[in-house]
C-alpha atoms as a PDB file:
ATOM      1  CA  MET A   1      18.794  21.550  16.575  1.00  0.00           C
ATOM      2  CA  LYS A   2      16.119  20.626  19.070  1.00  0.00           C
ATOM      3  CA  TYR A   3      13.379  21.042  16.445  1.00  0.00           C
ATOM      4  CA  TYR A   4      15.159  18.729  14.026  1.00  0.00           C
ATOM      5  CA  LYS A   5      15.154  15.949  16.647  1.00  0.00           C
ATOM      6  CA  ILE A   6      11.446  16.428  17.294  1.00  0.00           C
ATOM      7  CA  ILE A   7      10.634  16.434  13.576  1.00  0.00           C
ATOM      8  CA  GLY A   8      12.812  13.376  13.112  1.00  0.00           C
ATOM      9  CA  LEU A   9      11.012  11.479  15.891  1.00  0.00           C
ATOM     10  CA  ILE A  10       7.625  12.403  14.497  1.00  0.00           C
ATOM     11  CA  THR A  11       8.638  11.277  11.021  1.00  0.00           C
ATOM     12  CA  LEU A  12      10.036   7.995  12.325  1.00  0.00           C
ATOM     13  CA  SER A  13       6.832   7.371  14.304  1.00  0.00           C
ATOM     14  CA  ILE A  14       4.694   7.886  11.195  1.00  0.00           C
ATOM     15  CA  VAL A  15       6.872   5.551   9.118  1.00  0.00           C
ATOM     16  CA  LEU A  16       6.815   2.843  11.785  1.00  0.00           C
ATOM     17  CA  ALA A  17       3.062   3.197  12.263  1.00  0.00           C
ATOM     18  CA  GLY A  18       2.592   2.494   8.555  1.00  0.00           C
ATOM     19  CA  CYS A  19       4.588  -0.739   8.877  1.00  0.00           C
ATOM     20  CA  ILE A  20       2.599  -2.082  11.821  1.00  0.00           C
ATOM     21  CA  ASN A  21      -0.411  -3.101   9.730  1.00  0.00           C
ATOM     22  CA  ASN A  22       1.706  -5.038   7.182  1.00  0.00           C
ATOM     23  CA  VAL A  23       1.140  -8.753   7.674  1.00  0.00           C
ATOM     24  CA  PRO A  24       3.400 -11.398   6.120  1.00  0.00           C
ATOM     25  CA  ILE A  25       1.501 -13.979   4.080  1.00  0.00           C
ATOM     26  CA  THR A  26       2.388 -16.916   1.896  1.00  0.00           C
ATOM     27  CA  THR A  27       0.845 -17.601  -1.494  1.00  0.00           C
ATOM     28  CA  LYS A  28       0.464 -20.609  -3.703  1.00  0.00           C
ATOM     29  CA  PRO A  29      -0.603 -20.618  -7.353  1.00  0.00           C
ATOM     30  CA  ILE A  30      -4.037 -21.910  -8.278  1.00  0.00           C
ATOM     31  CA  VAL A  31      -5.769 -22.492 -11.616  1.00  0.00           C
ATOM     32  CA  SER A  32      -9.468 -21.944 -11.421  1.00  0.00           C
ATOM     33  CA  ASP A  33     -11.855 -20.651 -14.043  1.00  0.00           C
ATOM     34  CA  ALA A  34     -14.360 -19.907 -11.255  1.00  0.00           C
ATOM     35  CA  VAL A  35     -11.855 -17.658  -9.468  1.00  0.00           C
ATOM     36  CA  PHE A  36     -11.082 -15.794 -12.685  1.00  0.00           C
ATOM     37  CA  SER A  37     -14.791 -15.434 -13.505  1.00  0.00           C
ATOM     38  CA  GLU A  38     -15.415 -13.956 -10.064  1.00  0.00           C
ATOM     39  CA  ALA A  39     -12.445 -11.575 -10.449  1.00  0.00           C
ATOM     40  CA  LYS A  40     -13.705 -10.471 -13.866  1.00  0.00           C
ATOM     41  CA  ARG A  41     -17.173  -9.765 -12.443  1.00  0.00           C
ATOM     42  CA  LEU A  42     -15.762  -7.789  -9.517  1.00  0.00           C
ATOM     43  CA  ALA A  43     -13.340  -5.811 -11.724  1.00  0.00           C
ATOM     44  CA  ALA A  44     -15.997  -5.036 -14.360  1.00  0.00           C
ATOM     45  CA  ASP A  45     -18.294  -3.659 -11.640  1.00  0.00           C
ATOM     46  CA  ARG A  46     -15.598  -1.046 -10.914  1.00  0.00           C
ATOM     47  CA  MET A  47     -15.390   0.095 -14.550  1.00  0.00           C
ATOM     48  CA  ARG A  48     -17.316   2.885 -16.262  1.00  0.00           C
ATOM     49  CA  ASP A  49     -19.091   0.451 -18.614  1.00  0.00           C
ATOM     50  CA  PRO A  50     -19.053  -2.996 -16.953  1.00  0.00           C
ATOM     51  CA  GLU A  51     -20.622  -4.839 -19.910  1.00  0.00           C
ATOM     52  CA  ALA A  52     -17.995  -3.490 -22.308  1.00  0.00           C
ATOM     53  CA  THR A  53     -15.005  -4.458 -20.160  1.00  0.00           C
ATOM     54  CA  ARG A  54     -12.732  -6.922 -21.946  1.00  0.00           C
ATOM     55  CA  PHE A  55     -10.256  -9.308 -20.352  1.00  0.00           C
ATOM     56  CA  LYS A  56      -7.312 -11.193 -21.803  1.00  0.00           C
ATOM     57  CA  PRO A  57      -7.613 -14.912 -21.052  1.00  0.00           C
ATOM     58  CA  GLU A  58      -4.148 -15.077 -19.477  1.00  0.00           C
ATOM     59  CA  TYR A  59      -4.139 -14.569 -15.729  1.00  0.00           C
ATOM     60  CA  LYS A  60      -2.372 -15.663 -12.580  1.00  0.00           C
ATOM     61  CA  ALA A  61      -4.248 -16.522  -9.395  1.00  0.00           C
ATOM     62  CA  PHE A  62      -2.935 -17.243  -5.940  1.00  0.00           C
ATOM     63  CA  GLU A  63      -4.433 -18.462  -2.697  1.00  0.00           C
ATOM     64  CA  THR A  64      -3.045 -16.958   0.501  1.00  0.00           C
ATOM     65  CA  ASN A  65      -2.623 -18.613   3.871  1.00  0.00           C
ATOM     66  CA  LYS A  66      -5.069 -15.987   5.254  1.00  0.00           C
ATOM     67  CA  GLY A  67      -7.902 -17.133   2.965  1.00  0.00           C
ATOM     68  CA  ASP A  68      -7.661 -14.327   0.422  1.00  0.00           C
ATOM     69  CA  THR A  69      -7.362 -14.809  -3.332  1.00  0.00           C
ATOM     70  CA  ILE A  70      -5.018 -12.733  -5.453  1.00  0.00           C
ATOM     71  CA  VAL A  71      -5.654 -12.352  -9.186  1.00  0.00           C
ATOM     72  CA  CYS A  72      -3.352 -10.660 -11.693  1.00  0.00           C
ATOM     73  CA  GLY A  73      -4.611 -10.107 -15.214  1.00  0.00           C
ATOM     74  CA  THR A  74      -5.129  -7.630 -18.023  1.00  0.00           C
ATOM     75  CA  LEU A  75      -8.261  -5.703 -18.926  1.00  0.00           C
ATOM     76  CA  ASN A  76      -9.499  -3.030 -21.315  1.00  0.00           C
ATOM     77  CA  GLY A  77     -12.267  -0.611 -20.427  1.00  0.00           C
ATOM     78  CA  LYS A  78     -13.911   2.473 -21.850  1.00  0.00           C
ATOM     79  CA  ASN A  79     -13.153   6.078 -20.964  1.00  0.00           C
ATOM     80  CA  ALA A  80     -15.602   8.962 -20.519  1.00  0.00           C
ATOM     81  CA  MET A  81     -15.734   9.465 -24.295  1.00  0.00           C
ATOM     82  CA  GLY A  82     -16.822   5.845 -24.856  1.00  0.00           C
ATOM     83  CA  GLY A  83     -13.576   4.674 -26.417  1.00  0.00           C
ATOM     84  CA  TYR A  84     -11.414   1.841 -25.209  1.00  0.00           C
ATOM     85  CA  VAL A  85      -8.229   2.984 -23.450  1.00  0.00           C
ATOM     86  CA  GLY A  86      -6.112  -0.086 -24.188  1.00  0.00           C
ATOM     87  CA  TYR A  87      -5.221  -3.165 -22.187  1.00  0.00           C
ATOM     88  CA  LYS A  88      -3.749  -2.520 -18.775  1.00  0.00           C
ATOM     89  CA  PRO A  89      -2.557  -4.934 -16.067  1.00  0.00           C
ATOM     90  CA  PHE A  90      -4.456  -5.183 -12.823  1.00  0.00           C
ATOM     91  CA  TYR A  91      -3.873  -6.604  -9.339  1.00  0.00           C
ATOM     92  CA  MET A  92      -6.788  -7.672  -7.165  1.00  0.00           C
ATOM     93  CA  ARG A  93      -6.997  -9.181  -3.710  1.00  0.00           C
ATOM     94  CA  ILE A  94     -10.369 -10.723  -2.911  1.00  0.00           C
ATOM     95  CA  ARG A  95     -11.516 -11.352   0.665  1.00  0.00           C
ATOM     96  CA  ASN A  96     -14.857 -12.961   1.479  1.00  0.00           C
ATOM     97  CA  GLY A  97     -16.133 -12.446  -2.072  1.00  0.00           C
ATOM     98  CA  GLU A  98     -15.370  -8.708  -2.098  1.00  0.00           C
ATOM     99  CA  ILE A  99     -12.482  -6.647  -3.377  1.00  0.00           C
ATOM    100  CA  ALA A 100      -9.991  -5.818  -0.612  1.00  0.00           C
ATOM    101  CA  VAL A 101      -7.469  -4.244  -2.991  1.00  0.00           C
ATOM    102  CA  PHE A 102      -7.838  -3.304  -6.669  1.00  0.00           C
ATOM    103  CA  ASN A 103      -4.976  -1.654  -8.513  1.00  0.00           C
ATOM    104  CA  LEU A 104      -5.468  -0.640 -12.135  1.00  0.00           C
ATOM    105  CA  PRO A 105      -3.370   2.095 -13.746  1.00  0.00           C
ATOM    106  CA  GLY A 106      -5.571   4.881 -15.091  1.00  0.00           C
ATOM    107  CA  GLU A 107      -5.009   7.692 -17.500  1.00  0.00           C
ATOM    108  CA  ASP A 108      -3.956   9.842 -14.531  1.00  0.00           C
ATOM    109  CA  ASP A 109      -1.109   7.514 -13.481  1.00  0.00           C
ATOM    110  CA  GLU A 110       1.422  10.010 -14.885  1.00  0.00           C
ATOM    111  CA  TYR A 111       4.364   8.758 -12.842  1.00  0.00           C
ATOM    112  CA  GLY A 112       3.502   5.068 -13.020  1.00  0.00           C
ATOM    113  CA  ASN A 113       2.923   4.621  -9.289  1.00  0.00           C
ATOM    114  CA  VAL A 114      -0.139   2.425  -9.712  1.00  0.00           C
ATOM    115  CA  LEU A 115       1.600   0.393 -12.440  1.00  0.00           C
ATOM    116  CA  LYS A 116       4.518  -0.160 -10.042  1.00  0.00           C
ATOM    117  CA  ALA A 117       2.069  -1.315  -7.331  1.00  0.00           C
ATOM    118  CA  VAL A 118       0.466  -3.756  -9.805  1.00  0.00           C
ATOM    119  CA  ASN A 119       3.829  -5.189 -10.837  1.00  0.00           C
ATOM    120  CA  GLN A 120       5.101  -5.362  -7.262  1.00  0.00           C
ATOM    121  CA  GLY A 121       1.975  -7.122  -5.971  1.00  0.00           C
ATOM    122  CA  CYS A 122       1.936  -9.677  -8.786  1.00  0.00           C
ATOM    123  CA  ASN A 123       5.696 -10.323  -8.507  1.00  0.00           C
ATOM    124  CA  GLU A 124       5.495 -10.786  -4.735  1.00  0.00           C
ATOM    125  CA  ALA A 125       2.482 -13.110  -5.056  1.00  0.00           C
ATOM    126  CA  SER A 126       4.418 -15.140  -7.647  1.00  0.00           C
ATOM    127  CA  SER A 127       7.391 -15.380  -5.265  1.00  0.00           C
ATOM    128  CA  GLY A 128       5.297 -17.184  -2.658  1.00  0.00           C
ATOM    129  CA  SER A 129       5.548 -14.644   0.132  1.00  0.00           C
ATOM    130  CA  MET A 130       4.540 -11.034   0.542  1.00  0.00           C
ATOM    131  CA  LYS A 131       3.369  -8.441   3.032  1.00  0.00           C
ATOM    132  CA  VAL A 132      -0.089  -6.976   2.791  1.00  0.00           C
ATOM    133  CA  LYS A 133      -2.052  -4.476   4.786  1.00  0.00           C
ATOM    134  CA  ASN A 134      -4.407  -6.283   7.060  1.00  0.00           C
END
């Protein structure tokens, strides 16, 4: 019984420590071709073949009260065999001209965890308020 209490306290401490860095922010929608161009450049740099990365023209962009920019869009990149993998949604948070967070489901996202993170981030940004890791 004593060990269960100790394990419970340790688990609770770890969970609470993970919540400490979450900062509430507010978002407001923006429409800016310059923001989307910057997001495309940053995202393409993360891909296997940056020049071959394709983007759908539809996107959502948000400005946060902390000065970050959030961009949600859809892209298609090439795999190791050189073939396109199909369009996939992405979530990106840009801070000071660099990627702070980039979520893009890959071929190894068997359980859809990254896809859930993309959808959650974009939905929260659309709602006007969210919590992000600082």
